[in-house]
Amino acid sequence: MIPATAGGKKLKNGTWTGHVGNLLYGRADLATITVFALNRLPYIDMCSPTEFTSITFCHGIPNPILSWKSIFWPFSPLTWIVFLNIVGATIVILKIVTIFAAKVYGTKVWSSSFTIWVILSSILQQNVRKLRTWDTRCLLTSWFLFLVLLTQAFLSNLFGFFVSPPLEFVPNTFQELATSDFLAGITYKGAVYQFFSNAKKGTTVDKVFGKFRTNEMDQCFKNV
């Protein structure tokens, strides 16, 4: 077995390089080829594969995503919608409670703006004036307990995003590579190139082939 840099490529003058050339011209009796290509069958014979290997994508280090929108990332959109609905419902209920409390205890009715401010100030962890009626205290106590759990979950997740921000998308499958704007580099037009070039039009493999760029090995690593 004589090692070669590739499985083999047919040159314009009809000669073969790599392992196919070693077998064809008597320089080796047995060779290992990682990719099966139909255009090699007229010149060499294949035995049963001894091991199946997968293709590994090499890419550069993905950049972290830094954005002001990260303050909304700790919760999913559905969670935010539910939270806003709860805030609105709490404001309405608190307004109704203060109206009834004013009639029962003879206290002053809270204005709508002040009722909203009480809820928003509690969300922003600001002080709220001392409450006098027990019904208002019970309602806001339940609200504060709910808010403590929610804010702690939010702040802990937000801290996690700041310490370890999400990274840019990197394709891990051929399907993701086909639908992304990434380009694929290949060192030479060998068996892998021929496999993709002979793919049926419109398939995932054909879409990946449209992203192929042929470069030398050093240039491929520079691009990565």
Protein backbone atom coordinates (compact mmCIF):
# COMPACT_ATOMS: atom_id res chain seq x y z
CA MET A 1 0.00 0.00 0.00
CA ILE A 2 1.43 3.32 -1.08
CA PRO A 3 -0.06 6.44 0.53
CA ALA A 4 -1.26 9.22 -1.71
CA THR A 5 -2.82 12.60 -1.11
CA ALA A 6 -6.15 11.68 -2.70
CA GLY A 7 -8.21 8.90 -4.20
CA GLY A 8 -7.37 9.89 -7.71
CA LYS A 9 -8.20 12.37 -10.44
CA LYS A 10 -8.18 11.89 -14.19
CA LEU A 11 -6.08 14.52 -15.94
CA LYS A 12 -6.76 16.00 -19.37
CA ASN A 13 -4.09 13.79 -20.96
CA GLY A 14 -5.90 10.67 -19.69
CA THR A 15 -3.55 9.76 -16.86
CA TRP A 16 -4.69 9.21 -13.28
CA THR A 17 -3.25 10.60 -10.06
CA GLY A 18 -3.56 9.47 -6.44
CA HIS A 19 -4.51 5.93 -5.44
CA VAL A 20 -6.16 5.14 -8.77
CA GLY A 21 -2.92 6.00 -10.53
CA ASN A 22 -0.91 3.88 -8.11
CA LEU A 23 -3.12 0.85 -8.81
CA LEU A 24 -3.45 1.46 -12.54
CA TYR A 25 0.29 1.87 -13.17
CA GLY A 26 1.43 -0.97 -10.88
CA ARG A 27 2.88 1.11 -8.09
CA ALA A 28 0.57 -0.53 -5.52
CA ASP A 29 -1.50 -3.71 -5.20
CA LEU A 30 -3.98 -2.35 -2.65
CA ALA A 31 -5.09 1.13 -1.70
CA THR A 32 -7.61 2.76 0.62
CA ILE A 33 -10.11 5.21 -0.86
CA THR A 34 -12.55 7.13 1.31
CA VAL A 35 -15.04 8.10 -1.41
CA PHE A 36 -16.65 5.79 -3.95
CA ALA A 37 -16.80 7.27 -7.47
CA LEU A 38 -18.40 5.62 -10.50
CA ASN A 39 -15.89 7.03 -12.98
CA ARG A 40 -13.14 4.93 -11.35
CA LEU A 41 -14.84 1.55 -11.90
CA PRO A 42 -13.59 1.07 -15.50
CA TYR A 43 -10.01 1.18 -14.21
CA ILE A 44 -10.04 -0.38 -10.71
CA ASP A 45 -12.18 -2.79 -8.70
CA MET A 46 -13.64 -2.22 -5.25
CA CYS A 47 -13.92 -4.56 -2.28
CA SER A 48 -16.56 -4.29 0.43
CA PRO A 49 -16.22 -1.18 2.60
CA THR A 50 -14.57 -1.90 5.92
CA GLU A 51 -15.69 1.28 7.70
CA PHE A 52 -18.25 4.00 7.12
CA THR A 53 -17.11 7.51 7.98
CA SER A 54 -18.97 10.82 8.14
CA ILE A 55 -18.00 14.17 6.66
CA THR A 56 -16.87 16.77 9.19
CA PHE A 57 -17.45 20.46 8.47
CA CYS A 58 -14.56 22.79 9.31
CA HIS A 59 -15.52 26.40 10.00
CA GLY A 60 -14.20 29.47 11.74
CA ILE A 61 -14.97 30.32 15.35
CA PRO A 62 -18.53 31.72 15.37
CA ASN A 63 -18.83 35.28 16.65
CA PRO A 64 -21.05 36.04 19.66
CA ILE A 65 -24.32 37.83 18.93
CA LEU A 66 -24.35 41.14 20.84
CA SER A 67 -27.60 43.08 20.58
CA TRP A 68 -29.85 45.29 22.71
CA LYS A 69 -32.60 42.79 21.95
CA SER A 70 -30.89 40.36 24.32
CA ILE A 71 -32.92 41.85 27.20
CA PHE A 72 -35.94 40.06 25.70
CA TRP A 73 -34.19 36.73 25.05
CA PRO A 74 -34.51 35.21 28.57
CA PHE A 75 -38.21 34.58 27.92
CA SER A 76 -39.95 33.19 24.88
CA PRO A 77 -42.47 35.39 22.98
CA LEU A 78 -45.34 33.37 24.46
CA THR A 79 -44.06 34.01 27.98
CA TRP A 80 -43.88 37.76 27.31
CA ILE A 81 -47.43 37.77 25.95
CA VAL A 82 -48.74 35.91 29.01
CA PHE A 83 -46.82 38.26 31.33
CA LEU A 84 -48.24 41.39 29.67
CA ASN A 85 -51.75 39.96 29.91
CA ILE A 86 -51.23 39.26 33.62
CA VAL A 87 -49.96 42.82 34.13
CA GLY A 88 -53.01 44.24 32.40
CA ALA A 89 -55.38 42.02 34.38
CA THR A 90 -53.66 42.96 37.66
CA ILE A 91 -54.03 46.67 36.90
CA VAL A 92 -57.75 46.26 36.19
CA ILE A 93 -58.34 44.15 39.32
CA LEU A 94 -56.36 46.59 41.48
CA LYS A 95 -58.39 49.50 40.14
CA ILE A 96 -61.64 47.70 40.96
CA VAL A 97 -60.41 46.79 44.47
CA THR A 98 -59.44 50.40 45.24
CA ILE A 99 -62.87 51.60 44.11
CA PHE A 100 -64.64 49.19 46.47
CA ALA A 101 -62.13 49.95 49.24
CA ALA A 102 -62.88 53.65 48.92
CA LYS A 103 -66.58 52.97 49.44
CA VAL A 104 -66.03 50.65 52.42
CA TYR A 105 -63.23 52.45 54.26
CA GLY A 106 -63.82 55.96 52.98
CA THR A 107 -60.35 56.22 51.46
CA LYS A 108 -59.40 58.08 48.33
CA VAL A 109 -59.86 56.26 45.03
CA TRP A 110 -56.62 55.66 43.18
CA SER A 111 -56.37 57.29 39.79
CA SER A 112 -55.77 55.09 36.76
CA SER A 113 -52.29 56.55 36.23
CA PHE A 114 -51.32 55.91 39.86
CA THR A 115 -52.65 52.34 39.69
CA ILE A 116 -50.52 51.70 36.61
CA TRP A 117 -47.53 53.30 38.30
CA VAL A 118 -47.86 51.03 41.35
CA ILE A 119 -47.67 47.93 39.15
CA LEU A 120 -44.88 49.26 36.92
CA SER A 121 -42.80 50.49 39.86
CA SER A 122 -42.99 47.05 41.44
CA ILE A 123 -41.76 45.51 38.17
CA LEU A 124 -38.87 48.01 38.12
CA GLN A 125 -38.16 47.22 41.79
CA GLN A 126 -39.04 50.72 43.01
CA ASN A 127 -40.64 51.58 46.34
CA VAL A 128 -44.42 51.76 46.60
CA ARG A 129 -46.13 53.95 49.19
CA LYS A 130 -47.56 52.28 52.28
CA LEU A 131 -50.92 50.69 51.65
CA ARG A 132 -53.72 51.21 54.17
CA THR A 133 -56.47 48.74 53.29
CA TRP A 134 -56.13 45.00 53.84
CA ASP A 135 -57.75 43.98 50.58
CA THR A 136 -55.25 46.03 48.58
CA ARG A 137 -52.40 44.62 50.66
CA CYS A 138 -53.50 41.03 50.05
CA LEU A 139 -53.78 41.60 46.31
CA LEU A 140 -50.39 43.27 46.01
CA THR A 141 -48.77 40.66 48.27
CA SER A 142 -49.83 37.96 45.82
CA TRP A 143 -48.58 40.13 42.96
CA PHE A 144 -45.20 40.69 44.65
CA LEU A 145 -44.71 36.97 45.27
CA PHE A 146 -45.41 36.26 41.61
CA LEU A 147 -43.09 39.08 40.60
CA VAL A 148 -40.22 37.83 42.77
CA LEU A 149 -40.25 34.45 41.05
CA LEU A 150 -40.52 35.98 37.59
CA THR A 151 -37.84 38.63 38.03
CA GLN A 152 -35.38 36.17 39.53
CA ALA A 153 -35.88 33.81 36.61
CA PHE A 154 -35.48 36.71 34.19
CA LEU A 155 -32.33 38.10 35.81
CA SER A 156 -30.67 34.70 36.10
CA ASN A 157 -31.32 33.95 32.42
CA LEU A 158 -30.23 37.44 31.41
CA PHE A 159 -26.98 37.02 33.34
CA GLY A 160 -26.41 33.76 31.49
CA PHE A 161 -26.81 35.55 28.15
CA PHE A 162 -24.31 38.22 29.20
CA VAL A 163 -21.74 35.70 30.43
CA SER A 164 -22.19 33.27 27.53
CA PRO A 165 -23.94 35.07 24.65
CA PRO A 166 -25.43 33.03 21.80
CA LEU A 167 -23.18 32.42 18.83
CA GLU A 168 -23.74 32.92 15.13
CA PHE A 169 -25.45 30.13 13.23
CA VAL A 170 -23.15 27.46 11.81
CA PRO A 171 -24.51 24.69 9.53
CA ASN A 172 -24.15 21.16 10.85
CA THR A 173 -25.92 19.25 8.08
CA PHE A 174 -26.05 19.39 4.30
CA GLN A 175 -29.63 20.67 4.52
CA GLU A 176 -28.58 23.58 6.72
CA LEU A 177 -25.62 24.29 4.42
CA ALA A 178 -27.90 24.31 1.36
CA THR A 179 -30.34 26.81 2.88
CA SER A 180 -27.71 29.12 4.41
CA ASP A 181 -25.46 31.74 2.83
CA PHE A 182 -22.27 29.83 3.65
CA LEU A 183 -19.82 28.77 0.93
CA ALA A 184 -18.03 25.41 0.86
CA GLY A 185 -14.36 24.99 -0.02
CA ILE A 186 -12.84 21.92 -1.67
CA THR A 187 -9.17 21.36 -2.44
CA TYR A 188 -9.52 19.74 -5.87
CA LYS A 189 -12.12 18.34 -8.26
CA GLY A 190 -11.91 14.73 -7.12
CA ALA A 191 -14.50 12.14 -6.16
CA VAL A 192 -16.33 14.40 -3.73
CA TYR A 193 -16.62 17.11 -6.36
CA GLN A 194 -17.88 14.60 -8.94
CA PHE A 195 -20.42 13.18 -6.49
CA PHE A 196 -21.95 16.59 -5.90
CA SER A 197 -21.72 17.66 -9.55
CA ASN A 198 -23.70 14.60 -10.70
CA ALA A 199 -26.53 15.19 -8.22
CA LYS A 200 -30.09 15.60 -9.45
CA LYS A 201 -31.09 19.21 -10.03
CA GLY A 202 -32.96 20.84 -7.19
CA THR A 203 -31.87 18.37 -4.53
CA THR A 204 -30.01 19.29 -1.36
CA VAL A 205 -26.75 17.90 -2.73
CA ASP A 206 -27.16 19.99 -5.90
CA LYS A 207 -27.74 23.14 -3.84
CA VAL A 208 -24.59 22.42 -1.84
CA PHE A 209 -22.66 21.93 -5.08
CA GLY A 210 -23.59 25.49 -6.09
CA LYS A 211 -21.66 26.73 -3.05
CA PHE A 212 -18.44 24.86 -3.86
CA ARG A 213 -15.26 26.86 -4.41
CA THR A 214 -12.05 25.09 -5.45
CA ASN A 215 -8.98 26.27 -3.54
CA GLU A 216 -5.63 25.00 -2.44
CA MET A 217 -5.41 23.49 1.03
CA ASP A 218 -3.70 26.55 2.52
CA GLN A 219 -6.35 28.88 1.08
CA CYS A 220 -9.14 26.72 2.51
CA PHE A 221 -7.71 27.00 6.00
CA LYS A 222 -7.21 30.75 5.56
CA ASN A 223 -10.87 31.13 4.65
CA VAL A 224 -11.88 29.18 7.74
